[in-house]
Amino acid sequence: MKEISAIEVQKRLENGEKLNLIDVREVDEVNAGHIPDIMHIPLGLLEFRTHELDKCKPYIMVCRSGGRSGQATHYLQSHGFDVTNMTGGMLSWEGKVE
């Protein structure tokens, strides 16, 4: 499984890079604070919403601590997607939140 740190994601965003971030936390968690412009797909709905994703785009999965996003990464990789898990999740995030 490919992994990236929260700090590296933050640096890439601050440098103007357009990243395809997917937050797999629950609605209340995302409403409490999330990375700007992130796509929200709760982990429990991921298998029903994969049709919304493009296999030609790389995705970075985000959750609270990295566990659920790791599960999502494994799931999407097994279905042919280019996916990376953000280690440490939002607990490690020091960048801007909405």
N, C-alpha and C. Protein backbone atom coordinates (compact mmCIF):
# COMPACT_ATOMS: atom_id res chain seq x y z
N MET A 1 0.85 -1.19 0.00
CA MET A 1 0.00 0.00 0.00
C MET A 1 0.89 1.25 0.00
N LYS A 2 0.56 2.17 -0.90
CA LYS A 2 1.31 3.43 -0.94
C LYS A 2 0.83 4.33 0.19
N GLU A 3 1.78 5.06 0.77
CA GLU A 3 1.45 5.97 1.87
C GLU A 3 2.11 7.32 1.65
N ILE A 4 1.47 8.35 2.21
CA ILE A 4 2.01 9.71 2.17
C ILE A 4 1.69 10.35 3.52
N SER A 5 2.59 11.19 4.01
CA SER A 5 2.35 11.84 5.30
C SER A 5 1.44 13.05 5.12
N ALA A 6 0.78 13.43 6.21
CA ALA A 6 -0.08 14.60 6.18
C ALA A 6 0.74 15.85 5.84
N ILE A 7 1.96 15.91 6.32
CA ILE A 7 2.82 17.07 6.04
C ILE A 7 3.13 17.16 4.55
N GLU A 8 3.39 16.03 3.91
CA GLU A 8 3.68 16.03 2.47
C GLU A 8 2.45 16.46 1.67
N VAL A 9 1.26 15.98 2.07
CA VAL A 9 0.03 16.41 1.40
C VAL A 9 -0.14 17.92 1.55
N GLN A 10 0.07 18.42 2.75
CA GLN A 10 -0.07 19.85 3.01
C GLN A 10 0.90 20.66 2.14
N LYS A 11 2.15 20.23 2.06
CA LYS A 11 3.15 20.94 1.25
C LYS A 11 2.74 20.95 -0.22
N ARG A 12 2.27 19.83 -0.72
CA ARG A 12 1.86 19.75 -2.12
C ARG A 12 0.68 20.68 -2.40
N LEU A 13 -0.28 20.74 -1.49
CA LEU A 13 -1.42 21.65 -1.65
C LEU A 13 -0.97 23.11 -1.59
N GLU A 14 -0.09 23.42 -0.65
CA GLU A 14 0.41 24.80 -0.51
C GLU A 14 1.20 25.23 -1.73
N ASN A 15 1.79 24.27 -2.45
CA ASN A 15 2.54 24.57 -3.67
C ASN A 15 1.62 24.67 -4.88
N GLY A 16 0.31 24.59 -4.64
CA GLY A 16 -0.65 24.76 -5.72
C GLY A 16 -1.00 23.50 -6.49
N GLU A 17 -0.53 22.37 -6.01
CA GLU A 17 -0.83 21.12 -6.69
C GLU A 17 -2.29 20.73 -6.45
N LYS A 18 -2.96 20.28 -7.50
CA LYS A 18 -4.35 19.82 -7.38
C LYS A 18 -4.33 18.34 -7.04
N LEU A 19 -4.79 18.00 -5.84
CA LEU A 19 -4.82 16.61 -5.39
C LEU A 19 -6.26 16.13 -5.30
N ASN A 20 -6.47 14.86 -5.55
CA ASN A 20 -7.79 14.25 -5.44
C ASN A 20 -7.87 13.57 -4.07
N LEU A 21 -8.36 14.31 -3.10
CA LEU A 21 -8.46 13.81 -1.73
C LEU A 21 -9.87 13.31 -1.46
N ILE A 22 -9.95 12.14 -0.83
CA ILE A 22 -11.23 11.57 -0.44
C ILE A 22 -11.22 11.32 1.06
N ASP A 23 -12.16 11.94 1.76
CA ASP A 23 -12.29 11.78 3.21
C ASP A 23 -13.34 10.69 3.45
N VAL A 24 -12.94 9.63 4.14
CA VAL A 24 -13.85 8.50 4.36
C VAL A 24 -14.45 8.48 5.77
N ARG A 25 -14.31 9.60 6.49
CA ARG A 25 -14.90 9.69 7.83
C ARG A 25 -16.42 9.86 7.73
N GLU A 26 -17.08 9.78 8.88
CA GLU A 26 -18.52 9.95 8.95
C GLU A 26 -18.88 11.44 8.81
N VAL A 27 -20.13 11.71 8.52
CA VAL A 27 -20.61 13.07 8.25
C VAL A 27 -20.27 14.03 9.40
N ASP A 28 -20.54 13.63 10.65
CA ASP A 28 -20.29 14.52 11.78
C ASP A 28 -18.81 14.84 11.93
N GLU A 29 -17.94 13.89 11.62
CA GLU A 29 -16.50 14.12 11.71
C GLU A 29 -16.06 15.14 10.65
N VAL A 30 -16.57 14.98 9.44
CA VAL A 30 -16.21 15.88 8.35
C VAL A 30 -16.75 17.29 8.64
N ASN A 31 -17.96 17.37 9.16
CA ASN A 31 -18.55 18.67 9.49
C ASN A 31 -17.76 19.39 10.58
N ALA A 32 -17.08 18.64 11.44
CA ALA A 32 -16.29 19.23 12.52
C ALA A 32 -14.99 19.84 12.01
N GLY A 33 -14.59 19.49 10.81
CA GLY A 33 -13.37 20.05 10.22
C GLY A 33 -12.78 19.12 9.18
N HIS A 34 -12.52 19.67 8.00
CA HIS A 34 -11.96 18.86 6.91
C HIS A 34 -11.03 19.71 6.04
N ILE A 35 -10.22 19.04 5.27
CA ILE A 35 -9.32 19.71 4.34
C ILE A 35 -10.18 20.35 3.24
N PRO A 36 -9.92 21.61 2.89
CA PRO A 36 -10.72 22.27 1.85
C PRO A 36 -10.73 21.49 0.53
N ASP A 37 -11.86 21.53 -0.15
CA ASP A 37 -12.05 20.92 -1.48
C ASP A 37 -11.92 19.40 -1.50
N ILE A 38 -12.09 18.77 -0.36
CA ILE A 38 -11.99 17.31 -0.31
C ILE A 38 -13.32 16.68 -0.74
N MET A 39 -13.24 15.51 -1.34
CA MET A 39 -14.46 14.75 -1.67
C MET A 39 -14.79 13.90 -0.45
N HIS A 40 -16.07 13.87 -0.07
CA HIS A 40 -16.45 13.08 1.10
C HIS A 40 -17.24 11.86 0.66
N ILE A 41 -16.68 10.69 0.96
CA ILE A 41 -17.37 9.41 0.75
C ILE A 41 -17.15 8.58 2.01
N PRO A 42 -18.15 8.48 2.89
CA PRO A 42 -17.97 7.67 4.10
C PRO A 42 -17.55 6.24 3.73
N LEU A 43 -16.68 5.66 4.53
CA LEU A 43 -16.15 4.32 4.25
C LEU A 43 -17.26 3.32 3.97
N GLY A 44 -18.34 3.36 4.72
CA GLY A 44 -19.43 2.41 4.55
C GLY A 44 -20.16 2.54 3.22
N LEU A 45 -19.98 3.67 2.54
CA LEU A 45 -20.64 3.89 1.25
C LEU A 45 -19.69 3.75 0.06
N LEU A 46 -18.41 3.55 0.34
CA LEU A 46 -17.41 3.55 -0.73
C LEU A 46 -17.72 2.56 -1.84
N GLU A 47 -18.09 1.33 -1.48
CA GLU A 47 -18.34 0.32 -2.51
C GLU A 47 -19.51 0.70 -3.42
N PHE A 48 -20.43 1.53 -2.91
CA PHE A 48 -21.60 1.95 -3.69
C PHE A 48 -21.33 3.20 -4.52
N ARG A 49 -20.19 3.86 -4.25
CA ARG A 49 -19.91 5.12 -4.95
C ARG A 49 -18.64 5.09 -5.80
N THR A 50 -18.05 3.92 -5.98
CA THR A 50 -16.83 3.84 -6.79
C THR A 50 -17.07 4.29 -8.22
N HIS A 51 -18.32 4.21 -8.70
CA HIS A 51 -18.62 4.66 -10.05
C HIS A 51 -18.39 6.17 -10.22
N GLU A 52 -18.30 6.91 -9.11
CA GLU A 52 -18.04 8.35 -9.16
C GLU A 52 -16.56 8.66 -9.35
N LEU A 53 -15.71 7.65 -9.23
CA LEU A 53 -14.27 7.85 -9.30
C LEU A 53 -13.73 7.48 -10.68
N ASP A 54 -12.59 8.06 -11.02
CA ASP A 54 -11.96 7.86 -12.32
C ASP A 54 -10.67 7.06 -12.13
N LYS A 55 -10.58 5.90 -12.76
CA LYS A 55 -9.39 5.06 -12.61
C LYS A 55 -8.14 5.69 -13.21
N CYS A 56 -8.30 6.76 -13.97
CA CYS A 56 -7.15 7.46 -14.57
C CYS A 56 -6.57 8.52 -13.64
N LYS A 57 -7.23 8.77 -12.51
CA LYS A 57 -6.77 9.78 -11.55
C LYS A 57 -6.21 9.11 -10.30
N PRO A 58 -5.14 9.70 -9.74
CA PRO A 58 -4.65 9.19 -8.45
C PRO A 58 -5.46 9.81 -7.31
N TYR A 59 -5.71 9.03 -6.28
CA TYR A 59 -6.47 9.51 -5.13
C TYR A 59 -5.67 9.35 -3.85
N ILE A 60 -5.90 10.26 -2.91
CA ILE A 60 -5.32 10.17 -1.57
C ILE A 60 -6.47 10.05 -0.60
N MET A 61 -6.43 8.98 0.20
CA MET A 61 -7.50 8.70 1.15
C MET A 61 -7.17 9.29 2.52
N VAL A 62 -8.20 9.88 3.17
CA VAL A 62 -8.02 10.56 4.45
C VAL A 62 -9.09 10.08 5.43
N CYS A 63 -8.71 9.90 6.70
CA CYS A 63 -9.67 9.66 7.77
C CYS A 63 -9.15 10.31 9.04
N ARG A 64 -9.60 9.88 10.18
CA ARG A 64 -9.19 10.50 11.44
C ARG A 64 -7.73 10.17 11.78
N SER A 65 -7.36 8.88 11.69
CA SER A 65 -6.02 8.49 12.12
C SER A 65 -5.25 7.67 11.09
N GLY A 66 -5.89 7.24 10.03
CA GLY A 66 -5.22 6.46 8.99
C GLY A 66 -5.72 5.03 8.86
N GLY A 67 -6.53 4.56 9.80
CA GLY A 67 -7.03 3.19 9.75
C GLY A 67 -8.11 2.95 8.71
N ARG A 68 -9.15 3.77 8.77
CA ARG A 68 -10.24 3.62 7.79
C ARG A 68 -9.77 3.97 6.38
N SER A 69 -8.92 4.98 6.27
CA SER A 69 -8.41 5.34 4.95
C SER A 69 -7.52 4.22 4.42
N GLY A 70 -6.85 3.48 5.30
CA GLY A 70 -6.07 2.32 4.88
C GLY A 70 -6.97 1.23 4.32
N GLN A 71 -8.11 1.00 4.97
CA GLN A 71 -9.08 0.02 4.47
C GLN A 71 -9.61 0.46 3.10
N ALA A 72 -9.91 1.75 2.97
CA ALA A 72 -10.41 2.29 1.71
C ALA A 72 -9.35 2.15 0.61
N THR A 73 -8.10 2.40 0.97
CA THR A 73 -7.00 2.28 0.01
C THR A 73 -6.91 0.85 -0.50
N HIS A 74 -6.93 -0.11 0.39
CA HIS A 74 -6.88 -1.52 -0.01
C HIS A 74 -8.05 -1.87 -0.92
N TYR A 75 -9.23 -1.43 -0.55
CA TYR A 75 -10.43 -1.74 -1.33
C TYR A 75 -10.31 -1.18 -2.75
N LEU A 76 -9.97 0.11 -2.85
CA LEU A 76 -9.89 0.74 -4.17
C LEU A 76 -8.75 0.17 -5.01
N GLN A 77 -7.61 -0.13 -4.37
CA GLN A 77 -6.49 -0.75 -5.11
C GLN A 77 -6.93 -2.09 -5.70
N SER A 78 -7.70 -2.85 -4.94
CA SER A 78 -8.15 -4.16 -5.42
C SER A 78 -9.13 -4.04 -6.59
N HIS A 79 -9.65 -2.82 -6.80
CA HIS A 79 -10.55 -2.57 -7.92
C HIS A 79 -9.88 -1.74 -9.02
N GLY A 80 -8.55 -1.69 -9.00
CA GLY A 80 -7.80 -1.08 -10.09
C GLY A 80 -7.55 0.42 -10.00
N PHE A 81 -7.77 1.03 -8.84
CA PHE A 81 -7.54 2.46 -8.68
C PHE A 81 -6.12 2.72 -8.18
N ASP A 82 -5.59 3.91 -8.53
CA ASP A 82 -4.30 4.39 -8.06
C ASP A 82 -4.57 5.18 -6.78
N VAL A 83 -4.29 4.58 -5.63
CA VAL A 83 -4.68 5.15 -4.35
C VAL A 83 -3.51 5.16 -3.37
N THR A 84 -3.46 6.22 -2.57
CA THR A 84 -2.44 6.37 -1.54
C THR A 84 -3.13 6.71 -0.22
N ASN A 85 -2.65 6.13 0.87
CA ASN A 85 -3.21 6.40 2.20
C ASN A 85 -2.43 7.53 2.86
N MET A 86 -3.16 8.54 3.39
CA MET A 86 -2.51 9.61 4.16
C MET A 86 -2.34 9.11 5.60
N THR A 87 -1.11 8.82 5.97
CA THR A 87 -0.83 8.29 7.30
C THR A 87 -1.08 9.34 8.37
N GLY A 88 -1.56 8.89 9.51
CA GLY A 88 -1.82 9.80 10.63
C GLY A 88 -3.14 10.51 10.55
N GLY A 89 -3.75 10.54 9.37
CA GLY A 89 -5.06 11.15 9.18
C GLY A 89 -5.15 12.59 9.65
N MET A 90 -6.36 13.00 9.97
CA MET A 90 -6.60 14.38 10.40
C MET A 90 -5.95 14.69 11.75
N LEU A 91 -5.64 13.67 12.53
CA LEU A 91 -4.92 13.91 13.79
C LEU A 91 -3.54 14.49 13.53
N SER A 92 -2.96 14.19 12.36
CA SER A 92 -1.63 14.69 12.00
C SER A 92 -1.69 15.94 11.12
N TRP A 93 -2.88 16.32 10.70
CA TRP A 93 -3.04 17.44 9.78
C TRP A 93 -2.82 18.77 10.49
N GLU A 94 -1.92 19.61 9.96
CA GLU A 94 -1.65 20.92 10.54
C GLU A 94 -2.03 22.04 9.58
N GLY A 95 -2.55 21.68 8.42
CA GLY A 95 -2.92 22.67 7.41
C GLY A 95 -4.30 23.26 7.65
N LYS A 96 -4.75 24.00 6.66
CA LYS A 96 -6.05 24.66 6.71
C LYS A 96 -7.18 23.65 6.78
N VAL A 97 -8.21 23.99 7.55
CA VAL A 97 -9.43 23.16 7.61
C VAL A 97 -10.64 24.05 7.42
N GLU A 98 -11.70 23.46 6.92
CA GLU A 98 -12.99 24.15 6.77
C GLU A 98 -13.99 23.54 7.72
